[in-house]
Amino acid sequence: WGSFLVLVSYFFSNNLSLYLFESSKNSDLITLCSIWALGLAFSQMY
């Protein structure tokens, strides 16, 4: 489920970047933060 959401966020990273920062240049940060979120979820599990 986490990998699916990360994949979705990757495909919509430009849109999310435009929504949050009014620019698509931060799409790479959106992708990194999505992986960070999955890491946080894994950490909660352990």
PDB file of all heavy atoms in Angstrom:
ATOM      1  N   TRP A   1       0.838  -1.202   0.000  1.00  0.00           N
ATOM      2  CA  TRP A   1       0.000   0.000   0.000  1.00  0.00           C
ATOM      3  C   TRP A   1       0.878   1.259   0.000  1.00  0.00           C
ATOM      4  O   TRP A   1       0.626   2.207  -0.744  1.00  0.00           O
ATOM      5  CB  TRP A   1      -0.935  -0.013   1.193  1.00  0.00           C
ATOM      6  CG  TRP A   1      -1.743   1.245   1.392  1.00  0.00           C
ATOM      7  CD1 TRP A   1      -1.709   2.088   2.463  1.00  0.00           C
ATOM      8  CD2 TRP A   1      -2.723   1.791   0.493  1.00  0.00           C
ATOM      9  NE1 TRP A   1      -2.583   3.131   2.298  1.00  0.00           N
ATOM     10  CE2 TRP A   1      -3.225   2.972   1.089  1.00  0.00           C
ATOM     11  CE3 TRP A   1      -3.203   1.402  -0.749  1.00  0.00           C
ATOM     12  CZ2 TRP A   1      -4.194   3.761   0.484  1.00  0.00           C
ATOM     13  CZ3 TRP A   1      -4.176   2.208  -1.356  1.00  0.00           C
ATOM     14  CH2 TRP A   1      -4.653   3.366  -0.748  1.00  0.00           C
ATOM     15  N   GLY A   2       1.930   1.238   0.811  1.00  0.00           N
ATOM     16  CA  GLY A   2       2.837   2.378   0.861  1.00  0.00           C
ATOM     17  C   GLY A   2       3.558   2.591  -0.457  1.00  0.00           C
ATOM     18  O   GLY A   2       3.698   3.721  -0.933  1.00  0.00           O
ATOM     19  N   SER A   3       4.014   1.498  -1.076  1.00  0.00           N
ATOM     20  CA  SER A   3       4.701   1.592  -2.366  1.00  0.00           C
ATOM     21  C   SER A   3       3.761   2.138  -3.445  1.00  0.00           C
ATOM     22  O   SER A   3       4.177   2.937  -4.303  1.00  0.00           O
ATOM     23  CB  SER A   3       5.220   0.217  -2.794  1.00  0.00           C
ATOM     24  OG  SER A   3       6.165  -0.267  -1.862  1.00  0.00           O
ATOM     25  N   PHE A   4       2.491   1.732  -3.376  1.00  0.00           N
ATOM     26  CA  PHE A   4       1.492   2.234  -4.328  1.00  0.00           C
ATOM     27  C   PHE A   4       1.311   3.744  -4.178  1.00  0.00           C
ATOM     28  O   PHE A   4       1.296   4.482  -5.180  1.00  0.00           O
ATOM     29  CB  PHE A   4       0.158   1.514  -4.113  1.00  0.00           C
ATOM     30  CG  PHE A   4      -0.987   2.106  -4.894  1.00  0.00           C
ATOM     31  CD1 PHE A   4      -1.082   1.907  -6.269  1.00  0.00           C
ATOM     32  CD2 PHE A   4      -1.957   2.864  -4.254  1.00  0.00           C
ATOM     33  CE1 PHE A   4      -2.131   2.465  -6.995  1.00  0.00           C
ATOM     34  CE2 PHE A   4      -3.004   3.422  -4.968  1.00  0.00           C
ATOM     35  CZ  PHE A   4      -3.101   3.221  -6.346  1.00  0.00           C
ATOM     36  N   LEU A   5       1.199   4.213  -2.933  1.00  0.00           N
ATOM     37  CA  LEU A   5       1.018   5.649  -2.705  1.00  0.00           C
ATOM     38  C   LEU A   5       2.259   6.449  -3.107  1.00  0.00           C
ATOM     39  O   LEU A   5       2.149   7.561  -3.634  1.00  0.00           O
ATOM     40  CB  LEU A   5       0.683   5.913  -1.230  1.00  0.00           C
ATOM     41  CG  LEU A   5      -0.697   5.462  -0.757  1.00  0.00           C
ATOM     42  CD1 LEU A   5      -0.900   5.831   0.708  1.00  0.00           C
ATOM     43  CD2 LEU A   5      -1.791   6.087  -1.612  1.00  0.00           C
ATOM     44  N   VAL A   6       3.433   5.880  -2.865  1.00  0.00           N
ATOM     45  CA  VAL A   6       4.678   6.542  -3.301  1.00  0.00           C
ATOM     46  C   VAL A   6       4.714   6.647  -4.822  1.00  0.00           C
ATOM     47  O   VAL A   6       5.107   7.688  -5.380  1.00  0.00           O
ATOM     48  CB  VAL A   6       5.922   5.776  -2.786  1.00  0.00           C
ATOM     49  CG1 VAL A   6       7.197   6.307  -3.442  1.00  0.00           C
ATOM     50  CG2 VAL A   6       6.040   5.902  -1.265  1.00  0.00           C
ATOM     51  N   LEU A   7       4.295   5.584  -5.495  1.00  0.00           N
ATOM     52  CA  LEU A   7       4.261   5.578  -6.961  1.00  0.00           C
ATOM     53  C   LEU A   7       3.271   6.617  -7.486  1.00  0.00           C
ATOM     54  O   LEU A   7       3.574   7.355  -8.441  1.00  0.00           O
ATOM     55  CB  LEU A   7       3.873   4.187  -7.466  1.00  0.00           C
ATOM     56  CG  LEU A   7       4.074   3.908  -8.969  1.00  0.00           C
ATOM     57  CD1 LEU A   7       5.550   4.039  -9.345  1.00  0.00           C
ATOM     58  CD2 LEU A   7       3.557   2.513  -9.317  1.00  0.00           C
ATOM     59  N   VAL A   8       2.119   6.702  -6.847  1.00  0.00           N
ATOM     60  CA  VAL A   8       1.107   7.698  -7.245  1.00  0.00           C
ATOM     61  C   VAL A   8       1.653   9.110  -7.048  1.00  0.00           C
ATOM     62  O   VAL A   8       1.500   9.985  -7.911  1.00  0.00           O
ATOM     63  CB  VAL A   8      -0.200   7.506  -6.442  1.00  0.00           C
ATOM     64  CG1 VAL A   8      -1.152   8.681  -6.674  1.00  0.00           C
ATOM     65  CG2 VAL A   8      -0.884   6.200  -6.833  1.00  0.00           C
ATOM     66  N   SER A   9       2.285   9.326  -5.911  1.00  0.00           N
ATOM     67  CA  SER A   9       2.843  10.660  -5.626  1.00  0.00           C
ATOM     68  C   SER A   9       3.947  11.018  -6.619  1.00  0.00           C
ATOM     69  O   SER A   9       4.130  12.195  -6.957  1.00  0.00           O
ATOM     70  CB  SER A   9       3.373  10.719  -4.195  1.00  0.00           C
ATOM     71  OG  SER A   9       4.531   9.926  -4.047  1.00  0.00           O
ATOM     72  N   TYR A  10       4.681  10.005  -7.079  1.00  0.00           N
ATOM     73  CA  TYR A  10       5.726  10.245  -8.072  1.00  0.00           C
ATOM     74  C   TYR A  10       5.117  10.743  -9.399  1.00  0.00           C
ATOM     75  O   TYR A  10       5.602  11.716  -9.993  1.00  0.00           O
ATOM     76  CB  TYR A  10       6.524   8.968  -8.312  1.00  0.00           C
ATOM     77  CG  TYR A  10       7.457   9.039  -9.506  1.00  0.00           C
ATOM     78  CD1 TYR A  10       8.636   9.785  -9.442  1.00  0.00           C
ATOM     79  CD2 TYR A  10       7.148   8.381 -10.700  1.00  0.00           C
ATOM     80  CE1 TYR A  10       9.482   9.876 -10.549  1.00  0.00           C
ATOM     81  CE2 TYR A  10       7.990   8.463 -11.803  1.00  0.00           C
ATOM     82  CZ  TYR A  10       9.158   9.214 -11.720  1.00  0.00           C
ATOM     83  OH  TYR A  10       9.978   9.304 -12.810  1.00  0.00           O
ATOM     84  N   PHE A  11       4.041  10.091  -9.831  1.00  0.00           N
ATOM     85  CA  PHE A  11       3.409  10.478 -11.090  1.00  0.00           C
ATOM     86  C   PHE A  11       2.738  11.857 -10.993  1.00  0.00           C
ATOM     87  O   PHE A  11       2.623  12.563 -11.994  1.00  0.00           O
ATOM     88  CB  PHE A  11       2.377   9.427 -11.508  1.00  0.00           C
ATOM     89  CG  PHE A  11       2.999   8.190 -12.099  1.00  0.00           C
ATOM     90  CD1 PHE A  11       2.883   6.963 -11.463  1.00  0.00           C
ATOM     91  CD2 PHE A  11       3.722   8.251 -13.277  1.00  0.00           C
ATOM     92  CE1 PHE A  11       3.464   5.818 -12.000  1.00  0.00           C
ATOM     93  CE2 PHE A  11       4.304   7.120 -13.832  1.00  0.00           C
ATOM     94  CZ  PHE A  11       4.175   5.897 -13.190  1.00  0.00           C
ATOM     95  N   PHE A  12       2.298  12.212  -9.766  1.00  0.00           N
ATOM     96  CA  PHE A  12       1.647  13.509  -9.578  1.00  0.00           C
ATOM     97  C   PHE A  12       2.549  14.517  -8.859  1.00  0.00           C
ATOM     98  O   PHE A  12       2.058  15.512  -8.346  1.00  0.00           O
ATOM     99  CB  PHE A  12       0.348  13.326  -8.784  1.00  0.00           C
ATOM    100  CG  PHE A  12      -0.746  12.647  -9.552  1.00  0.00           C
ATOM    101  CD1 PHE A  12      -0.940  11.279  -9.450  1.00  0.00           C
ATOM    102  CD2 PHE A  12      -1.578  13.373 -10.395  1.00  0.00           C
ATOM    103  CE1 PHE A  12      -1.941  10.637 -10.158  1.00  0.00           C
ATOM    104  CE2 PHE A  12      -2.581  12.747 -11.113  1.00  0.00           C
ATOM    105  CZ  PHE A  12      -2.766  11.369 -10.995  1.00  0.00           C
ATOM    106  N   SER A  13       3.848  14.246  -8.854  1.00  0.00           N
ATOM    107  CA  SER A  13       4.779  15.118  -8.131  1.00  0.00           C
ATOM    108  C   SER A  13       4.799  16.543  -8.681  1.00  0.00           C
ATOM    109  O   SER A  13       4.895  17.512  -7.919  1.00  0.00           O
ATOM    110  CB  SER A  13       6.191  14.531  -8.153  1.00  0.00           C
ATOM    111  OG  SER A  13       6.643  14.343  -9.480  1.00  0.00           O
ATOM    112  N   ASN A  14       4.686  16.679 -10.001  1.00  0.00           N
ATOM    113  CA  ASN A  14       4.650  18.021 -10.594  1.00  0.00           C
ATOM    114  C   ASN A  14       3.421  18.786 -10.146  1.00  0.00           C
ATOM    115  O   ASN A  14       3.497  19.984  -9.822  1.00  0.00           O
ATOM    116  CB  ASN A  14       4.678  17.932 -12.129  1.00  0.00           C
ATOM    117  CG  ASN A  14       6.054  17.574 -12.662  1.00  0.00           C
ATOM    118  OD1 ASN A  14       7.067  17.891 -12.051  1.00  0.00           O
ATOM    119  ND2 ASN A  14       6.096  16.904 -13.808  1.00  0.00           N
ATOM    120  N   ASN A  15       2.271  18.111 -10.126  1.00  0.00           N
ATOM    121  CA  ASN A  15       1.031  18.751  -9.700  1.00  0.00           C
ATOM    122  C   ASN A  15       1.080  19.134  -8.229  1.00  0.00           C
ATOM    123  O   ASN A  15       0.637  20.227  -7.844  1.00  0.00           O
ATOM    124  CB  ASN A  15      -0.161  17.808  -9.951  1.00  0.00           C
ATOM    125  CG  ASN A  15      -0.276  17.390 -11.403  1.00  0.00           C
ATOM    126  OD1 ASN A  15       0.431  16.506 -11.853  1.00  0.00           O
ATOM    127  ND2 ASN A  15      -1.158  18.025 -12.155  1.00  0.00           N
ATOM    128  N   LEU A  16       1.627  18.234  -7.405  1.00  0.00           N
ATOM    129  CA  LEU A  16       1.740  18.517  -5.975  1.00  0.00           C
ATOM    130  C   LEU A  16       2.694  19.676  -5.726  1.00  0.00           C
ATOM    131  O   LEU A  16       2.443  20.521  -4.858  1.00  0.00           O
ATOM    132  CB  LEU A  16       2.229  17.266  -5.239  1.00  0.00           C
ATOM    133  CG  LEU A  16       1.228  16.115  -5.125  1.00  0.00           C
ATOM    134  CD1 LEU A  16       1.910  14.835  -4.640  1.00  0.00           C
ATOM    135  CD2 LEU A  16       0.093  16.493  -4.177  1.00  0.00           C
ATOM    136  N   SER A  17       3.771  19.719  -6.496  1.00  0.00           N
ATOM    137  CA  SER A  17       4.725  20.812  -6.359  1.00  0.00           C
ATOM    138  C   SER A  17       4.090  22.145  -6.759  1.00  0.00           C
ATOM    139  O   SER A  17       4.296  23.169  -6.094  1.00  0.00           O
ATOM    140  CB  SER A  17       5.962  20.535  -7.213  1.00  0.00           C
ATOM    141  OG  SER A  17       6.911  21.577  -7.087  1.00  0.00           O
ATOM    142  N   LEU A  18       3.307  22.121  -7.826  1.00  0.00           N
ATOM    143  CA  LEU A  18       2.601  23.334  -8.253  1.00  0.00           C
ATOM    144  C   LEU A  18       1.607  23.799  -7.199  1.00  0.00           C
ATOM    145  O   LEU A  18       1.468  25.005  -6.949  1.00  0.00           O
ATOM    146  CB  LEU A  18       1.879  23.069  -9.583  1.00  0.00           C
ATOM    147  CG  LEU A  18       2.731  23.071 -10.850  1.00  0.00           C
ATOM    148  CD1 LEU A  18       1.932  22.532 -12.028  1.00  0.00           C
ATOM    149  CD2 LEU A  18       3.231  24.482 -11.147  1.00  0.00           C
ATOM    150  N   TYR A  19       0.922  22.842  -6.573  1.00  0.00           N
ATOM    151  CA  TYR A  19      -0.080  23.176  -5.555  1.00  0.00           C
ATOM    152  C   TYR A  19       0.576  23.758  -4.299  1.00  0.00           C
ATOM    153  O   TYR A  19       0.092  24.752  -3.740  1.00  0.00           O
ATOM    154  CB  TYR A  19      -0.881  21.931  -5.199  1.00  0.00           C
ATOM    155  CG  TYR A  19      -1.852  22.152  -4.064  1.00  0.00           C
ATOM    156  CD1 TYR A  19      -3.026  22.882  -4.257  1.00  0.00           C
ATOM    157  CD2 TYR A  19      -1.589  21.635  -2.790  1.00  0.00           C
ATOM    158  CE1 TYR A  19      -3.905  23.093  -3.213  1.00  0.00           C
ATOM    159  CE2 TYR A  19      -2.464  21.853  -1.743  1.00  0.00           C
ATOM    160  CZ  TYR A  19      -3.626  22.571  -1.956  1.00  0.00           C
ATOM    161  OH  TYR A  19      -4.498  22.785  -0.916  1.00  0.00           O
ATOM    162  N   LEU A  20       1.685  23.153  -3.865  1.00  0.00           N
ATOM    163  CA  LEU A  20       2.325  23.568  -2.617  1.00  0.00           C
ATOM    164  C   LEU A  20       3.226  24.794  -2.785  1.00  0.00           C
ATOM    165  O   LEU A  20       3.294  25.650  -1.899  1.00  0.00           O
ATOM    166  CB  LEU A  20       3.151  22.413  -2.045  1.00  0.00           C
ATOM    167  CG  LEU A  20       2.374  21.200  -1.530  1.00  0.00           C
ATOM    168  CD1 LEU A  20       3.333  20.087  -1.140  1.00  0.00           C
ATOM    169  CD2 LEU A  20       1.507  21.586  -0.339  1.00  0.00           C
ATOM    170  N   PHE A  21       3.919  24.871  -3.932  1.00  0.00           N
ATOM    171  CA  PHE A  21       4.936  25.914  -4.088  1.00  0.00           C
ATOM    172  C   PHE A  21       4.732  26.810  -5.317  1.00  0.00           C
ATOM    173  O   PHE A  21       5.564  27.666  -5.595  1.00  0.00           O
ATOM    174  CB  PHE A  21       6.331  25.258  -4.197  1.00  0.00           C
ATOM    175  CG  PHE A  21       6.640  24.321  -3.075  1.00  0.00           C
ATOM    176  CD1 PHE A  21       6.681  22.949  -3.293  1.00  0.00           C
ATOM    177  CD2 PHE A  21       6.874  24.791  -1.790  1.00  0.00           C
ATOM    178  CE1 PHE A  21       6.961  22.065  -2.253  1.00  0.00           C
ATOM    179  CE2 PHE A  21       7.153  23.924  -0.752  1.00  0.00           C
ATOM    180  CZ  PHE A  21       7.205  22.565  -0.982  1.00  0.00           C
ATOM    181  N   GLU A  22       3.628  26.574  -6.064  1.00  0.00           N
ATOM    182  CA  GLU A  22       3.336  27.341  -7.275  1.00  0.00           C
ATOM    183  C   GLU A  22       4.467  27.223  -8.292  1.00  0.00           C
ATOM    184  O   GLU A  22       4.735  28.151  -9.061  1.00  0.00           O
ATOM    185  CB  GLU A  22       3.062  28.810  -6.930  1.00  0.00           C
ATOM    186  CG  GLU A  22       1.859  28.991  -6.019  1.00  0.00           C
ATOM    187  CD  GLU A  22       1.592  30.450  -5.711  1.00  0.00           C
ATOM    188  OE1 GLU A  22       2.451  31.291  -6.071  1.00  0.00           O
ATOM    189  OE2 GLU A  22       0.539  30.762  -5.133  1.00  0.00           O
ATOM    190  N   SER A  23       5.158  26.085  -8.257  1.00  0.00           N
ATOM    191  CA  SER A  23       6.237  25.798  -9.192  1.00  0.00           C
ATOM    192  C   SER A  23       6.468  24.297  -9.220  1.00  0.00           C
ATOM    193  O   SER A  23       6.327  23.618  -8.202  1.00  0.00           O
ATOM    194  CB  SER A  23       7.519  26.521  -8.758  1.00  0.00           C
ATOM    195  OG  SER A  23       8.617  26.074  -9.519  1.00  0.00           O
ATOM    196  N   SER A  24       6.842  23.778 -10.402  1.00  0.00           N
ATOM    197  CA  SER A  24       7.068  22.337 -10.538  1.00  0.00           C
ATOM    198  C   SER A  24       8.513  21.939 -10.274  1.00  0.00           C
ATOM    199  O   SER A  24       8.861  20.762 -10.365  1.00  0.00           O
ATOM    200  CB  SER A  24       6.659  21.880 -11.938  1.00  0.00           C
ATOM    201  OG  SER A  24       7.446  22.540 -12.925  1.00  0.00           O
ATOM    202  N   LYS A  25       9.360  22.906  -9.927  1.00  0.00           N
ATOM    203  CA  LYS A  25      10.790  22.605  -9.762  1.00  0.00           C
ATOM    204  C   LYS A  25      11.104  21.822  -8.493  1.00  0.00           C
ATOM    205  O   LYS A  25      12.223  21.346  -8.319  1.00  0.00           O
ATOM    206  CB  LYS A  25      11.611  23.893  -9.779  1.00  0.00           C
ATOM    207  CG  LYS A  25      11.351  24.822  -8.601  1.00  0.00           C
ATOM    208  CD  LYS A  25      12.213  26.069  -8.704  1.00  0.00           C
ATOM    209  CE  LYS A  25      12.001  26.985  -7.504  1.00  0.00           C
ATOM    210  NZ  LYS A  25      12.847  28.205  -7.590  1.00  0.00           N
ATOM    211  N   ASN A  26      10.122  21.690  -7.609  1.00  0.00           N
ATOM    212  CA  ASN A  26      10.333  20.946  -6.363  1.00  0.00           C
ATOM    213  C   ASN A  26       9.728  19.546  -6.410  1.00  0.00           C
ATOM    214  O   ASN A  26       9.520  18.921  -5.368  1.00  0.00           O
ATOM    215  CB  ASN A  26       9.745  21.716  -5.173  1.00  0.00           C
ATOM    216  CG  ASN A  26      10.470  23.026  -4.914  1.00  0.00           C
ATOM    217  OD1 ASN A  26      11.685  23.053  -4.743  1.00  0.00           O
ATOM    218  ND2 ASN A  26       9.728  24.120  -4.909  1.00  0.00           N
ATOM    219  N   SER A  27       9.464  19.057  -7.616  1.00  0.00           N
ATOM    220  CA  SER A  27       8.849  17.731  -7.753  1.00  0.00           C
ATOM    221  C   SER A  27       9.752  16.630  -7.208  1.00  0.00           C
ATOM    222  O   SER A  27       9.271  15.620  -6.681  1.00  0.00           O
ATOM    223  CB  SER A  27       8.504  17.448  -9.219  1.00  0.00           C
ATOM    224  OG  SER A  27       9.678  17.522 -10.020  1.00  0.00           O
ATOM    225  N   ASP A  28      11.072  16.819  -7.330  1.00  0.00           N
ATOM    226  CA  ASP A  28      12.001  15.814  -6.801  1.00  0.00           C
ATOM    227  C   ASP A  28      11.924  15.732  -5.273  1.00  0.00           C
ATOM    228  O   ASP A  28      12.044  14.656  -4.686  1.00  0.00           O
ATOM    229  CB  ASP A  28      13.431  16.118  -7.241  1.00  0.00           C
ATOM    230  CG  ASP A  28      13.911  17.495  -6.808  1.00  0.00           C
ATOM    231  OD1 ASP A  28      13.063  18.411  -6.671  1.00  0.00           O
ATOM    232  OD2 ASP A  28      15.121  17.665  -6.595  1.00  0.00           O
ATOM    233  N   LEU A  29      11.688  16.876  -4.628  1.00  0.00           N
ATOM    234  CA  LEU A  29      11.537  16.893  -3.168  1.00  0.00           C
ATOM    235  C   LEU A  29      10.248  16.194  -2.743  1.00  0.00           C
ATOM    236  O   LEU A  29      10.202  15.536  -1.706  1.00  0.00           O
ATOM    237  CB  LEU A  29      11.548  18.334  -2.644  1.00  0.00           C
ATOM    238  CG  LEU A  29      12.890  19.063  -2.696  1.00  0.00           C
ATOM    239  CD1 LEU A  29      12.732  20.519  -2.267  1.00  0.00           C
ATOM    240  CD2 LEU A  29      13.912  18.360  -1.809  1.00  0.00           C
ATOM    241  N   ILE A  30       9.201  16.344  -3.545  1.00  0.00           N
ATOM    242  CA  ILE A  30       7.934  15.657  -3.273  1.00  0.00           C
ATOM    243  C   ILE A  30       8.146  14.148  -3.301  1.00  0.00           C
ATOM    244  O   ILE A  30       7.670  13.418  -2.418  1.00  0.00           O
ATOM    245  CB  ILE A  30       6.854  16.066  -4.301  1.00  0.00           C
ATOM    246  CG1 ILE A  30       6.517  17.554  -4.197  1.00  0.00           C
ATOM    247  CG2 ILE A  30       5.599  15.210  -4.120  1.00  0.00           C
ATOM    248  CD1 ILE A  30       5.836  17.958  -2.911  1.00  0.00           C
ATOM    249  N   THR A  31       8.874  13.666  -4.295  1.00  0.00           N
ATOM    250  CA  THR A  31       9.155  12.231  -4.403  1.00  0.00           C
ATOM    251  C   THR A  31       9.978  11.737  -3.221  1.00  0.00           C
ATOM    252  O   THR A  31       9.689  10.684  -2.640  1.00  0.00           O
ATOM    253  CB  THR A  31       9.902  11.932  -5.719  1.00  0.00           C
ATOM    254  OG1 THR A  31       9.118  12.386  -6.822  1.00  0.00           O
ATOM    255  CG2 THR A  31      10.162  10.442  -5.865  1.00  0.00           C
ATOM    256  N   LEU A  32      11.007  12.497  -2.863  1.00  0.00           N
ATOM    257  CA  LEU A  32      11.839  12.122  -1.715  1.00  0.00           C
ATOM    258  C   LEU A  32      11.012  12.081  -0.424  1.00  0.00           C
ATOM    259  O   LEU A  32      11.159  11.157   0.391  1.00  0.00           O
ATOM    260  CB  LEU A  32      12.995  13.106  -1.555  1.00  0.00           C
ATOM    261  CG  LEU A  32      14.179  12.950  -2.510  1.00  0.00           C
ATOM    262  CD1 LEU A  32      15.137  14.120  -2.359  1.00  0.00           C
ATOM    263  CD2 LEU A  32      14.908  11.633  -2.249  1.00  0.00           C
ATOM    264  N   CYS A  33      10.142  13.062  -0.252  1.00  0.00           N
ATOM    265  CA  CYS A  33       9.309  13.106   0.952  1.00  0.00           C
ATOM    266  C   CYS A  33       8.303  11.959   0.994  1.00  0.00           C
ATOM    267  O   CYS A  33       7.921  11.501   2.076  1.00  0.00           O
ATOM    268  CB  CYS A  33       8.572  14.445   1.045  1.00  0.00           C
ATOM    269  SG  CYS A  33       9.626  15.803   1.571  1.00  0.00           S
ATOM    270  N   SER A  34       7.880  11.496  -0.160  1.00  0.00           N
ATOM    271  CA  SER A  34       6.976  10.347  -0.223  1.00  0.00           C
ATOM    272  C   SER A  34       7.691   9.085   0.265  1.00  0.00           C
ATOM    273  O   SER A  34       7.117   8.275   1.008  1.00  0.00           O
ATOM    274  CB  SER A  34       6.457  10.149  -1.645  1.00  0.00           C
ATOM    275  OG  SER A  34       5.766  11.304  -2.097  1.00  0.00           O
ATOM    276  N   ILE A  35       8.950   8.928  -0.150  1.00  0.00           N
ATOM    277  CA  ILE A  35       9.753   7.798   0.322  1.00  0.00           C
ATOM    278  C   ILE A  35      10.048   7.949   1.819  1.00  0.00           C
ATOM    279  O   ILE A  35      10.047   6.968   2.572  1.00  0.00           O
ATOM    280  CB  ILE A  35      11.059   7.702  -0.488  1.00  0.00           C
ATOM    281  CG1 ILE A  35      10.750   7.498  -1.967  1.00  0.00           C
ATOM    282  CG2 ILE A  35      11.933   6.544   0.016  1.00  0.00           C
ATOM    283  CD1 ILE A  35      11.967   7.606  -2.879  1.00  0.00           C
ATOM    284  N   TRP A  36      10.278   9.185   2.247  1.00  0.00           N
ATOM    285  CA  TRP A  36      10.464   9.478   3.674  1.00  0.00           C
ATOM    286  C   TRP A  36       9.232   9.033   4.461  1.00  0.00           C
ATOM    287  O   TRP A  36       9.352   8.404   5.530  1.00  0.00           O
ATOM    288  CB  TRP A  36      10.725  10.972   3.825  1.00  0.00           C
ATOM    289  CG  TRP A  36      10.816  11.506   5.224  1.00  0.00           C
ATOM    290  CD1 TRP A  36      10.969  10.784   6.386  1.00  0.00           C
ATOM    291  CD2 TRP A  36      10.768  12.878   5.631  1.00  0.00           C
ATOM    292  NE1 TRP A  36      11.015  11.622   7.475  1.00  0.00           N
ATOM    293  CE2 TRP A  36      10.900  12.907   7.032  1.00  0.00           C
ATOM    294  CE3 TRP A  36      10.635  14.069   4.936  1.00  0.00           C
ATOM    295  CZ2 TRP A  36      10.888  14.102   7.760  1.00  0.00           C
ATOM    296  CZ3 TRP A  36      10.628  15.264   5.646  1.00  0.00           C
ATOM    297  CH2 TRP A  36      10.755  15.274   7.044  1.00  0.00           C
ATOM    298  N   ALA A  37       8.044   9.325   3.935  1.00  0.00           N
ATOM    299  CA  ALA A  37       6.796   8.938   4.605  1.00  0.00           C
ATOM    300  C   ALA A  37       6.687   7.422   4.739  1.00  0.00           C
ATOM    301  O   ALA A  37       6.248   6.897   5.774  1.00  0.00           O
ATOM    302  CB  ALA A  37       5.600   9.495   3.837  1.00  0.00           C
ATOM    303  N   LEU A  38       7.087   6.701   3.683  1.00  0.00           N
ATOM    304  CA  LEU A  38       7.069   5.236   3.742  1.00  0.00           C
ATOM    305  C   LEU A  38       8.050   4.737   4.799  1.00  0.00           C
ATOM    306  O   LEU A  38       7.760   3.783   5.532  1.00  0.00           O
ATOM    307  CB  LEU A  38       7.418   4.655   2.369  1.00  0.00           C
ATOM    308  CG  LEU A  38       7.412   3.131   2.242  1.00  0.00           C
ATOM    309  CD1 LEU A  38       6.061   2.544   2.648  1.00  0.00           C
ATOM    310  CD2 LEU A  38       7.770   2.704   0.817  1.00  0.00           C
ATOM    311  N   GLY A  39       9.201   5.393   4.893  1.00  0.00           N
ATOM    312  CA  GLY A  39      10.171   5.050   5.932  1.00  0.00           C
ATOM    313  C   GLY A  39       9.621   5.283   7.328  1.00  0.00           C
ATOM    314  O   GLY A  39       9.842   4.479   8.242  1.00  0.00           O
ATOM    315  N   LEU A  40       8.885   6.377   7.502  1.00  0.00           N
ATOM    316  CA  LEU A  40       8.247   6.656   8.797  1.00  0.00           C
ATOM    317  C   LEU A  40       7.236   5.573   9.155  1.00  0.00           C
ATOM    318  O   LEU A  40       7.124   5.159  10.312  1.00  0.00           O
ATOM    319  CB  LEU A  40       7.554   8.026   8.755  1.00  0.00           C
ATOM    320  CG  LEU A  40       8.453   9.265   8.723  1.00  0.00           C
ATOM    321  CD1 LEU A  40       7.612  10.525   8.477  1.00  0.00           C
ATOM    322  CD2 LEU A  40       9.223   9.400  10.034  1.00  0.00           C
ATOM    323  N   ALA A  41       6.482   5.119   8.141  1.00  0.00           N
ATOM    324  CA  ALA A  41       5.491   4.056   8.359  1.00  0.00           C
ATOM    325  C   ALA A  41       6.181   2.757   8.768  1.00  0.00           C
ATOM    326  O   ALA A  41       5.742   2.066   9.698  1.00  0.00           O
ATOM    327  CB  ALA A  41       4.657   3.849   7.101  1.00  0.00           C
ATOM    328  N   PHE A  42       7.271   2.410   8.090  1.00  0.00           N
ATOM    329  CA  PHE A  42       8.050   1.227   8.457  1.00  0.00           C
ATOM    330  C   PHE A  42       8.586   1.345   9.886  1.00  0.00           C
ATOM    331  O   PHE A  42       8.583   0.376  10.643  1.00  0.00           O
ATOM    332  CB  PHE A  42       9.209   1.026   7.487  1.00  0.00           C
ATOM    333  CG  PHE A  42       8.837   0.409   6.172  1.00  0.00           C
ATOM    334  CD1 PHE A  42       9.408   0.859   4.993  1.00  0.00           C
ATOM    335  CD2 PHE A  42       7.916  -0.621   6.103  1.00  0.00           C
ATOM    336  CE1 PHE A  42       9.084   0.290   3.772  1.00  0.00           C
ATOM    337  CE2 PHE A  42       7.574  -1.199   4.888  1.00  0.00           C
ATOM    338  CZ  PHE A  42       8.155  -0.745   3.722  1.00  0.00           C
ATOM    339  N   SER A  43       9.045   2.540  10.234  1.00  0.00           N
ATOM    340  CA  SER A  43       9.589   2.762  11.576  1.00  0.00           C
ATOM    341  C   SER A  43       8.517   2.570  12.640  1.00  0.00           C
ATOM    342  O   SER A  43       8.773   1.987  13.702  1.00  0.00           O
ATOM    343  CB  SER A  43      10.193   4.167  11.676  1.00  0.00           C
ATOM    344  OG  SER A  43      11.319   4.303  10.833  1.00  0.00           O
ATOM    345  N   GLN A  44       7.307   3.048  12.372  1.00  0.00           N
ATOM    346  CA  GLN A  44       6.214   2.859  13.326  1.00  0.00           C
ATOM    347  C   GLN A  44       5.912   1.385  13.531  1.00  0.00           C
ATOM    348  O   GLN A  44       5.577   0.949  14.635  1.00  0.00           O
ATOM    349  CB  GLN A  44       4.964   3.594  12.838  1.00  0.00           C
ATOM    350  CG  GLN A  44       5.033   5.087  13.009  1.00  0.00           C
ATOM    351  CD  GLN A  44       3.660   5.728  13.037  1.00  0.00           C
ATOM    352  OE1 GLN A  44       2.668   5.137  13.477  1.00  0.00           O
ATOM    353  NE2 GLN A  44       3.581   6.954  12.557  1.00  0.00           N
ATOM    354  N   MET A  45       6.053   0.609  12.459  1.00  0.00           N
ATOM    355  CA  MET A  45       5.792  -0.825  12.549  1.00  0.00           C
ATOM    356  C   MET A  45       6.808  -1.513  13.444  1.00  0.00           C
ATOM    357  O   MET A  45       6.451  -2.322  14.313  1.00  0.00           O
ATOM    358  CB  MET A  45       5.796  -1.436  11.137  1.00  0.00           C
ATOM    359  CG  MET A  45       5.574  -2.937  11.120  1.00  0.00           C
ATOM    360  SD  MET A  45       4.010  -3.404  11.900  1.00  0.00           S
ATOM    361  CE  MET A  45       4.359  -5.112  12.306  1.00  0.00           C
ATOM    362  N   TYR A  46       8.101  -1.224  13.258  1.00  0.00           N
ATOM    363  CA  TYR A  46       9.092  -1.899  14.104  1.00  0.00           C
ATOM    364  C   TYR A  46       9.023  -1.395  15.543  1.00  0.00           C
ATOM    365  O   TYR A  46       9.305  -2.147  16.478  1.00  0.00           O
ATOM    366  CB  TYR A  46      10.502  -1.805  13.497  1.00  0.00           C
ATOM    367  CG  TYR A  46      11.353  -0.628  13.857  1.00  0.00           C
ATOM    368  CD1 TYR A  46      11.911  -0.499  15.132  1.00  0.00           C
ATOM    369  CD2 TYR A  46      11.674   0.348  12.920  1.00  0.00           C
ATOM    370  CE1 TYR A  46      12.726   0.576  15.453  1.00  0.00           C
ATOM    371  CE2 TYR A  46      12.493   1.416  13.229  1.00  0.00           C
ATOM    372  CZ  TYR A  46      13.014   1.526  14.499  1.00  0.00           C
ATOM    373  OH  TYR A  46      13.829   2.588  14.818  1.00  0.00           O
TER     374      TYR A  46
END
